[in-house]
Amino acid sequence: RWWCGMADWLALLPLLALQQLDGAGFPVLARQRLPGDQRCPQVVLDIGLNDGKDSEAFLARGFCVIGVDANPLMVNASLRRNAATLDRFRALNVGVADTAGNLTFYVSTWQQGVHSSFELSKVKSEQRHHPSMPIVEQQVLTVRCDALWALLPPDLLRPYYLKVDVEERHYVCIEALERLPHTALPLYISWEMHEFARRLPFPLLDATLIGRMAALGYSHLKVVSNHARGAQTRKSPSDFSGGLLPDEEVHVFTRTSTWVRAADVLMHGLGDPRTGMRGPPTSTMKGDWVDFHMRLNVKDARERALALAARARLQC
């Protein structure tokens, strides 16, 4: 039905106001849709680009990437980092919200803006030991997360992976999945824990999101320690995913890459990475933080065939 596709594009209308990102001729909205050819067999949505390290790793593994970041400095850095693959990479300087419009974004000048956020309390908390470094306010265009599906290649029903790493706004994209048909749901999703979102203490919001996603069909889960991932990839924990895909990540409570039923994890509790989590003594340490990865249980036979074909193409 033509009006269904039109609704997706209408949700993206705020992007029409975007100018070229840094005067270097990077594509604006009219050219942002990924190509519908063999260059893009599978797509990752990288929500929270930072400087583009994760996108670089995904691109190197054959994915196309649609990236979003509210911080223009991070968008420009990611475009420079991935300049050789712009035919398969899109980077949008927008924020994600429940509705399209504008929001105040607080740019942290500490640690190259990593802890910038729409939540001022979060930025102040991270920057409290560096009071001389200013917090810069700016107005940012926002879109609904599910509107980004309009940028997928015309012949692709769903993204392979939705990675969400935005300070205190992760729930916006995770809850947006409930507005999509099952055939459009990503095969994998992940988000980083947060402690200021909706002013709820950890792990109340994340446990609720896990339960809602399990009801949507994401039946299996991994809780991934960033400190343990750093040891696994021999990279700093601040190097984001370390280039790993969800199937390769290690569940902190079992120390294996085997997926665990989300209901079982919730029954036993999510632990507290800030004070040290339950499980093997070497699985995590105080001051850790975790990501939640979930895998879709594909029900329909045709969907299962498409999902298996997607995984096979990426393993070639």
C-alpha atoms as a PDB file:
ATOM      1  CA  ARG A   1       0.000   0.000   0.000  1.00  0.00           C
ATOM      2  CA  TRP A   2       1.604   3.232  -1.149  1.00  0.00           C
ATOM      3  CA  TRP A   3       0.486   5.264   1.903  1.00  0.00           C
ATOM      4  CA  CYS A   4       2.415   2.970   4.282  1.00  0.00           C
ATOM      5  CA  GLY A   5       5.689   3.894   2.617  1.00  0.00           C
ATOM      6  CA  MET A   6       4.605   7.532   2.488  1.00  0.00           C
ATOM      7  CA  ALA A   7       4.132   7.515   6.268  1.00  0.00           C
ATOM      8  CA  ASP A   8       7.755   6.454   6.692  1.00  0.00           C
ATOM      9  CA  TRP A   9       8.968   9.329   4.569  1.00  0.00           C
ATOM     10  CA  LEU A  10       6.708  11.841   6.326  1.00  0.00           C
ATOM     11  CA  ALA A  11       8.285  10.788   9.624  1.00  0.00           C
ATOM     12  CA  LEU A  12      11.638  11.788   8.119  1.00  0.00           C
ATOM     13  CA  LEU A  13      10.540  15.280   7.048  1.00  0.00           C
ATOM     14  CA  PRO A  14      12.634  17.078   9.724  1.00  0.00           C
ATOM     15  CA  LEU A  15      15.716  15.780   7.929  1.00  0.00           C
ATOM     16  CA  LEU A  16      14.853  17.955   4.934  1.00  0.00           C
ATOM     17  CA  ALA A  17      16.227  20.870   6.923  1.00  0.00           C
ATOM     18  CA  LEU A  18      19.670  19.259   7.091  1.00  0.00           C
ATOM     19  CA  GLN A  19      22.464  21.098   5.358  1.00  0.00           C
ATOM     20  CA  GLN A  20      25.574  19.387   4.079  1.00  0.00           C
ATOM     21  CA  LEU A  21      27.359  18.190   7.153  1.00  0.00           C
ATOM     22  CA  ASP A  22      30.696  19.964   6.818  1.00  0.00           C
ATOM     23  CA  GLY A  23      30.696  21.606   3.382  1.00  0.00           C
ATOM     24  CA  ALA A  24      32.552  18.659   1.849  1.00  0.00           C
ATOM     25  CA  GLY A  25      29.645  17.480  -0.297  1.00  0.00           C
ATOM     26  CA  PHE A  26      28.433  14.595   1.853  1.00  0.00           C
ATOM     27  CA  PRO A  27      24.961  13.374   0.834  1.00  0.00           C
ATOM     28  CA  VAL A  28      21.848  15.017   2.218  1.00  0.00           C
ATOM     29  CA  LEU A  29      18.482  13.339   2.587  1.00  0.00           C
ATOM     30  CA  ALA A  30      17.655  13.038  -1.107  1.00  0.00           C
ATOM     31  CA  ARG A  31      20.637  10.699  -1.526  1.00  0.00           C
ATOM     32  CA  GLN A  32      20.609   8.986   1.866  1.00  0.00           C
ATOM     33  CA  ARG A  33      18.757   5.784   0.987  1.00  0.00           C
ATOM     34  CA  LEU A  34      21.150   2.883   0.647  1.00  0.00           C
ATOM     35  CA  PRO A  35      21.524   1.327  -2.811  1.00  0.00           C
ATOM     36  CA  GLY A  36      19.273  -1.583  -3.690  1.00  0.00           C
ATOM     37  CA  ASP A  37      21.953  -3.774  -5.225  1.00  0.00           C
ATOM     38  CA  GLN A  38      24.564  -6.337  -4.212  1.00  0.00           C
ATOM     39  CA  ARG A  39      26.574  -3.711  -2.329  1.00  0.00           C
ATOM     40  CA  CYS A  40      24.096  -3.925   0.559  1.00  0.00           C
ATOM     41  CA  PRO A  41      23.084  -7.539   1.245  1.00  0.00           C
ATOM     42  CA  GLN A  42      22.648  -6.678   4.945  1.00  0.00           C
ATOM     43  CA  VAL A  43      22.436  -3.446   6.955  1.00  0.00           C
ATOM     44  CA  VAL A  44      23.422  -2.414  10.470  1.00  0.00           C
ATOM     45  CA  LEU A  45      21.706   0.548  12.128  1.00  0.00           C
ATOM     46  CA  ASP A  46      24.394   2.192  14.277  1.00  0.00           C
ATOM     47  CA  ILE A  47      22.493   4.516  16.610  1.00  0.00           C
ATOM     48  CA  GLY A  48      25.140   6.493  18.451  1.00  0.00           C
ATOM     49  CA  LEU A  49      27.989   6.634  15.947  1.00  0.00           C
ATOM     50  CA  ASN A  50      30.588   8.257  18.139  1.00  0.00           C
ATOM     51  CA  ASP A  51      33.677   8.559  15.919  1.00  0.00           C
ATOM     52  CA  GLY A  52      32.648   5.711  13.623  1.00  0.00           C
ATOM     53  CA  LYS A  53      34.819   2.883  14.995  1.00  0.00           C
ATOM     54  CA  ASP A  54      31.939   0.434  15.179  1.00  0.00           C
ATOM     55  CA  SER A  55      30.676   1.426  11.741  1.00  0.00           C
ATOM     56  CA  GLU A  56      34.182   0.924  10.366  1.00  0.00           C
ATOM     57  CA  ALA A  57      34.233  -2.624  11.762  1.00  0.00           C
ATOM     58  CA  PHE A  58      30.783  -3.417  10.366  1.00  0.00           C
ATOM     59  CA  LEU A  59      31.704  -2.027   6.944  1.00  0.00           C
ATOM     60  CA  ALA A  60      34.895  -4.124   6.924  1.00  0.00           C
ATOM     61  CA  ARG A  61      32.747  -7.226   7.455  1.00  0.00           C
ATOM     62  CA  GLY A  62      30.584  -6.503   4.417  1.00  0.00           C
ATOM     63  CA  PHE A  63      27.631  -4.672   5.953  1.00  0.00           C
ATOM     64  CA  CYS A  64      26.131  -1.416   4.845  1.00  0.00           C
ATOM     65  CA  VAL A  65      25.619   0.988   7.744  1.00  0.00           C
ATOM     66  CA  ILE A  66      23.092   3.698   8.554  1.00  0.00           C
ATOM     67  CA  GLY A  67      24.483   5.728  11.438  1.00  0.00           C
ATOM     68  CA  VAL A  68      22.989   8.445  13.620  1.00  0.00           C
ATOM     69  CA  ASP A  69      24.532  10.815  16.135  1.00  0.00           C
ATOM     70  CA  ALA A  70      23.248  14.039  17.669  1.00  0.00           C
ATOM     71  CA  ASN A  71      26.789  15.390  18.041  1.00  0.00           C
ATOM     72  CA  PRO A  72      27.913  16.978  14.733  1.00  0.00           C
ATOM     73  CA  LEU A  73      31.578  16.550  15.689  1.00  0.00           C
ATOM     74  CA  MET A  74      31.072  12.796  15.941  1.00  0.00           C
ATOM     75  CA  VAL A  75      29.207  12.622  12.629  1.00  0.00           C
ATOM     76  CA  ASN A  76      31.992  14.460  10.854  1.00  0.00           C
ATOM     77  CA  ALA A  77      34.628  12.259  12.515  1.00  0.00           C
ATOM     78  CA  SER A  78      32.784   9.104  11.440  1.00  0.00           C
ATOM     79  CA  LEU A  79      32.494  10.361   7.869  1.00  0.00           C
ATOM     80  CA  ARG A  80      36.215  11.091   7.739  1.00  0.00           C
ATOM     81  CA  ARG A  81      37.040   7.687   9.225  1.00  0.00           C
ATOM     82  CA  ASN A  82      34.860   5.880   6.670  1.00  0.00           C
ATOM     83  CA  ALA A  83      35.460   8.142   3.674  1.00  0.00           C
ATOM     84  CA  ALA A  84      36.500   5.203   1.487  1.00  0.00           C
ATOM     85  CA  THR A  85      33.159   3.420   1.926  1.00  0.00           C
ATOM     86  CA  LEU A  86      30.606   6.231   1.598  1.00  0.00           C
ATOM     87  CA  ASP A  87      28.778   4.230  -1.059  1.00  0.00           C
ATOM     88  CA  ARG A  88      27.749   1.836   1.765  1.00  0.00           C
ATOM     89  CA  PHE A  89      27.709   4.252   4.704  1.00  0.00           C
ATOM     90  CA  ARG A  90      25.192   6.901   5.736  1.00  0.00           C
ATOM     91  CA  ALA A  91      25.728   9.216   8.710  1.00  0.00           C
ATOM     92  CA  LEU A  92      22.943  11.531   9.876  1.00  0.00           C
ATOM     93  CA  ASN A  93      23.372  14.392  12.348  1.00  0.00           C
ATOM     94  CA  VAL A  94      20.065  13.881  14.158  1.00  0.00           C
ATOM     95  CA  GLY A  95      18.864  12.731  17.530  1.00  0.00           C
ATOM     96  CA  VAL A  96      16.287  10.038  18.211  1.00  0.00           C
ATOM     97  CA  ALA A  97      13.113  10.813  20.140  1.00  0.00           C
ATOM     98  CA  ASP A  98       9.526   9.680  20.576  1.00  0.00           C
ATOM     99  CA  THR A  99       8.408  12.330  18.074  1.00  0.00           C
ATOM    100  CA  ALA A 100      10.061  14.293  15.290  1.00  0.00           C
ATOM    101  CA  GLY A 101      11.069  17.846  16.153  1.00  0.00           C
ATOM    102  CA  ASN A 102      13.896  19.569  18.041  1.00  0.00           C
ATOM    103  CA  LEU A 103      15.533  18.969  21.410  1.00  0.00           C
ATOM    104  CA  THR A 104      18.337  20.587  23.395  1.00  0.00           C
ATOM    105  CA  PHE A 105      21.473  18.473  23.219  1.00  0.00           C
ATOM    106  CA  TYR A 106      24.251  18.931  25.780  1.00  0.00           C
ATOM    107  CA  VAL A 107      27.709  18.453  24.304  1.00  0.00           C
ATOM    108  CA  SER A 108      30.353  17.375  26.777  1.00  0.00           C
ATOM    109  CA  THR A 109      33.793  18.763  26.010  1.00  0.00           C
ATOM    110  CA  TRP A 110      35.434  16.087  28.170  1.00  0.00           C
ATOM    111  CA  GLN A 111      36.752  12.871  26.614  1.00  0.00           C
ATOM    112  CA  GLN A 112      36.048  14.135  23.105  1.00  0.00           C
ATOM    113  CA  GLY A 113      32.319  14.408  23.741  1.00  0.00           C
ATOM    114  CA  VAL A 114      31.699  10.722  24.475  1.00  0.00           C
ATOM    115  CA  HIS A 115      29.298  11.517  27.321  1.00  0.00           C
ATOM    116  CA  SER A 116      27.208  14.108  25.477  1.00  0.00           C
ATOM    117  CA  SER A 117      23.506  13.586  26.030  1.00  0.00           C
ATOM    118  CA  PHE A 118      19.990  14.987  25.915  1.00  0.00           C
ATOM    119  CA  GLU A 119      20.006  14.433  29.703  1.00  0.00           C
ATOM    120  CA  LEU A 120      21.858  17.308  31.386  1.00  0.00           C
ATOM    121  CA  SER A 121      22.137  15.343  34.647  1.00  0.00           C
ATOM    122  CA  LYS A 122      24.115  12.645  32.822  1.00  0.00           C
ATOM    123  CA  VAL A 123      26.591  15.125  31.343  1.00  0.00           C
ATOM    124  CA  LYS A 124      27.065  16.895  34.671  1.00  0.00           C
ATOM    125  CA  SER A 125      27.644  13.584  36.432  1.00  0.00           C
ATOM    126  CA  GLU A 126      30.368  12.521  33.984  1.00  0.00           C
ATOM    127  CA  GLN A 127      31.990  15.951  33.909  1.00  0.00           C
ATOM    128  CA  ARG A 128      31.862  16.691  37.643  1.00  0.00           C
ATOM    129  CA  HIS A 129      35.600  16.091  38.076  1.00  0.00           C
ATOM    130  CA  HIS A 130      36.390  18.530  35.253  1.00  0.00           C
ATOM    131  CA  PRO A 131      34.402  21.670  36.143  1.00  0.00           C
ATOM    132  CA  SER A 132      36.591  23.889  33.983  1.00  0.00           C
ATOM    133  CA  MET A 133      35.449  22.103  30.820  1.00  0.00           C
ATOM    134  CA  PRO A 134      32.228  23.689  29.516  1.00  0.00           C
ATOM    135  CA  ILE A 135      28.999  21.976  28.536  1.00  0.00           C
ATOM    136  CA  VAL A 136      27.744  23.338  25.228  1.00  0.00           C
ATOM    137  CA  GLU A 137      24.014  23.502  24.477  1.00  0.00           C
ATOM    138  CA  GLN A 138      22.693  23.134  20.940  1.00  0.00           C
ATOM    139  CA  GLN A 139      19.382  22.475  19.248  1.00  0.00           C
ATOM    140  CA  VAL A 140      19.266  19.183  17.362  1.00  0.00           C
ATOM    141  CA  LEU A 141      16.724  17.809  14.903  1.00  0.00           C
ATOM    142  CA  THR A 142      15.105  14.609  16.142  1.00  0.00           C
ATOM    143  CA  VAL A 143      13.364  11.760  14.342  1.00  0.00           C
ATOM    144  CA  ARG A 144      11.551   8.656  15.443  1.00  0.00           C
ATOM    145  CA  CYS A 145      13.885   5.692  15.349  1.00  0.00           C
ATOM    146  CA  ASP A 146      11.509   3.539  13.295  1.00  0.00           C
ATOM    147  CA  ALA A 147      11.457   6.243  10.591  1.00  0.00           C
ATOM    148  CA  LEU A 148      15.062   5.298   9.737  1.00  0.00           C
ATOM    149  CA  TRP A 149      13.744   2.080   8.153  1.00  0.00           C
ATOM    150  CA  ALA A 150      12.834   4.280   5.153  1.00  0.00           C
ATOM    151  CA  LEU A 151      16.557   4.483   4.379  1.00  0.00           C
ATOM    152  CA  LEU A 152      16.981   0.720   3.967  1.00  0.00           C
ATOM    153  CA  PRO A 153      17.575  -0.544   0.420  1.00  0.00           C
ATOM    154  CA  PRO A 154      14.262  -0.978  -1.430  1.00  0.00           C
ATOM    155  CA  ASP A 155      14.493  -4.794  -1.520  1.00  0.00           C
ATOM    156  CA  LEU A 156      15.514  -5.293   2.140  1.00  0.00           C
ATOM    157  CA  LEU A 157      12.766  -6.007   4.672  1.00  0.00           C
ATOM    158  CA  ARG A 158      14.735  -5.699   7.887  1.00  0.00           C
ATOM    159  CA  PRO A 159      18.129  -4.626   9.261  1.00  0.00           C
ATOM    160  CA  TYR A 160      20.441  -7.409  10.332  1.00  0.00           C
ATOM    161  CA  TYR A 161      21.414  -5.637  13.570  1.00  0.00           C
ATOM    162  CA  LEU A 162      20.229  -2.575  15.510  1.00  0.00           C
ATOM    163  CA  LYS A 163      23.015  -1.316  17.773  1.00  0.00           C
ATOM    164  CA  VAL A 164      21.931   1.425  20.179  1.00  0.00           C
ATOM    165  CA  ASP A 165      24.532   3.326  22.193  1.00  0.00           C
ATOM    166  CA  VAL A 166      23.124   6.757  22.937  1.00  0.00           C
ATOM    167  CA  GLU A 167      23.473   8.279  26.372  1.00  0.00           C
ATOM    168  CA  GLU A 168      20.206   7.878  28.278  1.00  0.00           C
ATOM    169  CA  ARG A 169      18.012   7.637  25.146  1.00  0.00           C
ATOM    170  CA  HIS A 170      18.373   3.946  24.320  1.00  0.00           C
ATOM    171  CA  TYR A 171      14.765   3.176  25.210  1.00  0.00           C
ATOM    172  CA  VAL A 172      13.507   5.402  22.357  1.00  0.00           C
ATOM    173  CA  CYS A 173      14.836   3.001  19.708  1.00  0.00           C
ATOM    174  CA  ILE A 174      14.108  -0.196  21.601  1.00  0.00           C
ATOM    175  CA  GLU A 175      10.475   0.738  22.236  1.00  0.00           C
ATOM    176  CA  ALA A 176      10.116   1.892  18.612  1.00  0.00           C
ATOM    177  CA  LEU A 177      10.430  -1.754  17.553  1.00  0.00           C
ATOM    178  CA  GLU A 178       6.936  -2.338  18.920  1.00  0.00           C
ATOM    179  CA  ARG A 179       5.587  -0.141  16.109  1.00  0.00           C
ATOM    180  CA  LEU A 180       7.085  -2.318  13.368  1.00  0.00           C
ATOM    181  CA  PRO A 181       5.677  -5.465  11.726  1.00  0.00           C
ATOM    182  CA  HIS A 182       7.452  -8.685  12.705  1.00  0.00           C
ATOM    183  CA  THR A 183       8.948  -9.026   9.221  1.00  0.00           C
ATOM    184  CA  ALA A 184      10.738  -5.672   9.665  1.00  0.00           C
ATOM    185  CA  LEU A 185      12.316  -6.448  13.052  1.00  0.00           C
ATOM    186  CA  PRO A 186      16.141  -6.660  13.153  1.00  0.00           C
ATOM    187  CA  LEU A 187      17.538 -10.136  13.684  1.00  0.00           C
ATOM    188  CA  TYR A 188      19.658  -8.782  16.535  1.00  0.00           C
ATOM    189  CA  ILE A 189      19.426  -5.765  18.832  1.00  0.00           C
ATOM    190  CA  SER A 190      21.684  -4.379  21.540  1.00  0.00           C
ATOM    191  CA  TRP A 191      21.774  -1.435  23.890  1.00  0.00           C
ATOM    192  CA  GLU A 192      24.035  -0.140  26.631  1.00  0.00           C
ATOM    193  CA  MET A 193      22.877   0.034  30.237  1.00  0.00           C
ATOM    194  CA  HIS A 194      22.068   3.490  31.537  1.00  0.00           C
ATOM    195  CA  GLU A 195      21.406   4.925  34.970  1.00  0.00           C
ATOM    196  CA  PHE A 196      19.713   8.272  34.305  1.00  0.00           C
ATOM    197  CA  ALA A 197      17.150   7.371  31.622  1.00  0.00           C
ATOM    198  CA  ARG A 198      13.625   8.266  32.728  1.00  0.00           C
ATOM    199  CA  ARG A 199      15.199   8.890  36.142  1.00  0.00           C
ATOM    200  CA  LEU A 200      14.887   5.209  36.983  1.00  0.00           C
ATOM    201  CA  PRO A 201      17.649   3.426  38.931  1.00  0.00           C
ATOM    202  CA  PHE A 202      19.428   0.547  37.206  1.00  0.00           C
ATOM    203  CA  PRO A 203      18.210  -2.067  36.337  1.00  0.00           C
ATOM    204  CA  LEU A 204      14.490  -1.178  36.399  1.00  0.00           C
ATOM    205  CA  LEU A 205      14.248   0.283  32.902  1.00  0.00           C
ATOM    206  CA  ASP A 206      16.557  -2.266  31.271  1.00  0.00           C
ATOM    207  CA  ALA A 207      14.742  -5.202  32.885  1.00  0.00           C
ATOM    208  CA  THR A 208      11.453  -3.783  31.593  1.00  0.00           C
ATOM    209  CA  LEU A 209      12.872  -3.386  28.081  1.00  0.00           C
ATOM    210  CA  ILE A 210      14.168  -6.971  28.112  1.00  0.00           C
ATOM    211  CA  GLY A 211      10.705  -8.211  29.089  1.00  0.00           C
ATOM    212  CA  ARG A 212       8.994  -6.163  26.385  1.00  0.00           C
ATOM    213  CA  MET A 213      11.428  -7.321  23.727  1.00  0.00           C
ATOM    214  CA  ALA A 214      11.008 -10.948  24.819  1.00  0.00           C
ATOM    215  CA  ALA A 215       7.265 -10.511  24.300  1.00  0.00           C
ATOM    216  CA  LEU A 216       8.035  -9.176  20.829  1.00  0.00           C
ATOM    217  CA  GLY A 217       9.967 -12.330  19.912  1.00  0.00           C
ATOM    218  CA  TYR A 218      13.508 -11.590  21.134  1.00  0.00           C
ATOM    219  CA  SER A 219      13.602 -14.748  23.207  1.00  0.00           C
ATOM    220  CA  HIS A 220      17.347 -15.035  23.876  1.00  0.00           C
ATOM    221  CA  LEU A 221      19.765 -12.712  25.597  1.00  0.00           C
ATOM    222  CA  LYS A 222      23.388 -12.052  26.434  1.00  0.00           C
ATOM    223  CA  VAL A 223      24.610  -9.646  29.100  1.00  0.00           C
ATOM    224  CA  VAL A 224      28.011  -8.490  27.864  1.00  0.00           C
ATOM    225  CA  SER A 225      30.669  -7.012  30.144  1.00  0.00           C
ATOM    226  CA  ASN A 226      32.662  -4.231  28.518  1.00  0.00           C
ATOM    227  CA  HIS A 227      35.707  -4.978  30.653  1.00  0.00           C
ATOM    228  CA  ALA A 228      35.582  -8.668  29.709  1.00  0.00           C
ATOM    229  CA  ARG A 229      35.090  -7.749  26.044  1.00  0.00           C
ATOM    230  CA  GLY A 230      38.208  -5.591  26.228  1.00  0.00           C
ATOM    231  CA  ALA A 231      40.181  -8.597  27.436  1.00  0.00           C
ATOM    232  CA  GLN A 232      38.611 -10.773  24.720  1.00  0.00           C
ATOM    233  CA  THR A 233      39.426  -8.384  21.848  1.00  0.00           C
ATOM    234  CA  ARG A 234      42.615  -6.979  23.398  1.00  0.00           C
ATOM    235  CA  LYS A 235      41.189  -3.515  22.967  1.00  0.00           C
ATOM    236  CA  SER A 236      40.227  -0.833  25.436  1.00  0.00           C
ATOM    237  CA  PRO A 237      36.670  -1.215  26.776  1.00  0.00           C
ATOM    238  CA  SER A 238      36.055   2.273  25.367  1.00  0.00           C
ATOM    239  CA  ASP A 239      36.578   0.886  21.837  1.00  0.00           C
ATOM    240  CA  PHE A 240      32.844   0.130  21.766  1.00  0.00           C
ATOM    241  CA  SER A 241      31.929  -3.271  20.307  1.00  0.00           C
ATOM    242  CA  GLY A 242      35.494  -4.178  19.439  1.00  0.00           C
ATOM    243  CA  GLY A 243      34.226  -5.277  16.021  1.00  0.00           C
ATOM    244  CA  LEU A 244      32.237  -8.196  17.436  1.00  0.00           C
ATOM    245  CA  LEU A 245      28.797  -9.238  16.228  1.00  0.00           C
ATOM    246  CA  PRO A 246      26.114 -10.411  18.705  1.00  0.00           C
ATOM    247  CA  ASP A 247      26.693 -14.132  18.017  1.00  0.00           C
ATOM    248  CA  GLU A 248      30.383 -13.642  18.937  1.00  0.00           C
ATOM    249  CA  GLU A 249      29.796 -11.770  22.182  1.00  0.00           C
ATOM    250  CA  VAL A 250      30.313 -13.576  25.502  1.00  0.00           C
ATOM    251  CA  HIS A 251      27.552 -13.760  28.103  1.00  0.00           C
ATOM    252  CA  VAL A 252      29.026 -12.497  31.365  1.00  0.00           C
ATOM    253  CA  PHE A 253      27.309 -15.092  33.590  1.00  0.00           C
ATOM    254  CA  THR A 254      28.347 -18.197  31.611  1.00  0.00           C
ATOM    255  CA  ARG A 255      31.564 -16.945  29.986  1.00  0.00           C
ATOM    256  CA  THR A 256      30.503 -18.536  26.707  1.00  0.00           C
ATOM    257  CA  SER A 257      29.019 -17.185  23.481  1.00  0.00           C
ATOM    258  CA  THR A 258      25.926 -19.381  23.877  1.00  0.00           C
ATOM    259  CA  TRP A 259      22.630 -17.514  23.951  1.00  0.00           C
ATOM    260  CA  VAL A 260      20.511 -17.804  27.118  1.00  0.00           C
ATOM    261  CA  ARG A 261      16.740 -17.550  27.452  1.00  0.00           C
ATOM    262  CA  ALA A 262      15.829 -13.992  28.412  1.00  0.00           C
ATOM    263  CA  ALA A 263      13.250 -15.258  30.902  1.00  0.00           C
ATOM    264  CA  ASP A 264      15.940 -17.257  32.745  1.00  0.00           C
ATOM    265  CA  VAL A 265      18.253 -14.247  32.994  1.00  0.00           C
ATOM    266  CA  LEU A 266      15.462 -12.048  34.346  1.00  0.00           C
ATOM    267  CA  MET A 267      14.509 -14.724  36.863  1.00  0.00           C
ATOM    268  CA  HIS A 268      18.045 -14.775  38.278  1.00  0.00           C
ATOM    269  CA  GLY A 269      18.531 -11.005  38.089  1.00  0.00           C
ATOM    270  CA  LEU A 270      20.799  -8.689  36.111  1.00  0.00           C
ATOM    271  CA  GLY A 271      23.299  -7.996  38.881  1.00  0.00           C
ATOM    272  CA  ASP A 272      25.048  -4.662  39.398  1.00  0.00           C
ATOM    273  CA  PRO A 273      28.123  -4.079  37.222  1.00  0.00           C
ATOM    274  CA  ARG A 274      29.076  -0.955  39.144  1.00  0.00           C
ATOM    275  CA  THR A 275      29.756  -2.977  42.297  1.00  0.00           C
ATOM    276  CA  GLY A 276      30.736  -6.277  40.669  1.00  0.00           C
ATOM    277  CA  MET A 277      28.369  -8.890  39.256  1.00  0.00           C
ATOM    278  CA  ARG A 278      27.512 -12.424  40.281  1.00  0.00           C
ATOM    279  CA  GLY A 279      29.054 -15.308  38.352  1.00  0.00           C
ATOM    280  CA  PRO A 280      32.680 -16.426  37.909  1.00  0.00           C
ATOM    281  CA  PRO A 281      35.083 -14.195  39.848  1.00  0.00           C
ATOM    282  CA  THR A 282      36.887 -13.125  36.684  1.00  0.00           C
ATOM    283  CA  SER A 283      33.754 -12.362  34.693  1.00  0.00           C
ATOM    284  CA  THR A 284      33.575  -8.698  35.632  1.00  0.00           C
ATOM    285  CA  MET A 285      34.887  -6.163  38.116  1.00  0.00           C
ATOM    286  CA  LYS A 286      33.731  -3.112  39.996  1.00  0.00           C
ATOM    287  CA  GLY A 287      33.083  -0.113  37.806  1.00  0.00           C
ATOM    288  CA  ASP A 288      32.126  -2.240  34.807  1.00  0.00           C
ATOM    289  CA  TRP A 289      29.190  -1.494  32.516  1.00  0.00           C
ATOM    290  CA  VAL A 290      27.235  -3.894  30.346  1.00  0.00           C
ATOM    291  CA  ASP A 291      25.429  -4.151  27.032  1.00  0.00           C
ATOM    292  CA  PHE A 292      22.292  -6.194  26.491  1.00  0.00           C
ATOM    293  CA  HIS A 293      22.138  -8.228  23.272  1.00  0.00           C
ATOM    294  CA  MET A 294      18.965  -9.975  22.140  1.00  0.00           C
ATOM    295  CA  ARG A 295      18.263 -12.382  19.258  1.00  0.00           C
ATOM    296  CA  LEU A 296      14.978 -12.582  17.417  1.00  0.00           C
ATOM    297  CA  ASN A 297      13.153 -15.899  17.408  1.00  0.00           C
ATOM    298  CA  VAL A 298      12.082 -16.039  13.762  1.00  0.00           C
ATOM    299  CA  LYS A 299       8.761 -17.912  13.622  1.00  0.00           C
ATOM    300  CA  ASP A 300       7.620 -18.105  10.038  1.00  0.00           C
ATOM    301  CA  ALA A 301       9.318 -20.672   7.749  1.00  0.00           C
ATOM    302  CA  ARG A 302       9.927 -18.072   5.035  1.00  0.00           C
ATOM    303  CA  GLU A 303      11.354 -15.659   7.594  1.00  0.00           C
ATOM    304  CA  ARG A 304      13.645 -18.375   8.951  1.00  0.00           C
ATOM    305  CA  ALA A 305      14.924 -19.088   5.431  1.00  0.00           C
ATOM    306  CA  LEU A 306      15.608 -15.391   4.841  1.00  0.00           C
ATOM    307  CA  ALA A 307      17.370 -15.088   8.202  1.00  0.00           C
ATOM    308  CA  LEU A 308      19.570 -18.121   7.534  1.00  0.00           C
ATOM    309  CA  ALA A 309      20.403 -16.787   4.072  1.00  0.00           C
ATOM    310  CA  ALA A 310      21.363 -13.439   5.604  1.00  0.00           C
ATOM    311  CA  ARG A 311      23.715 -15.097   8.079  1.00  0.00           C
ATOM    312  CA  ALA A 312      25.191 -17.319   5.350  1.00  0.00           C
ATOM    313  CA  ARG A 313      25.942 -14.339   3.074  1.00  0.00           C
ATOM    314  CA  LEU A 314      27.879 -12.677   5.882  1.00  0.00           C
ATOM    315  CA  GLN A 315      29.904 -15.806   6.600  1.00  0.00           C
ATOM    316  CA  CYS A 316      31.080 -16.184   3.010  1.00  0.00           C
END
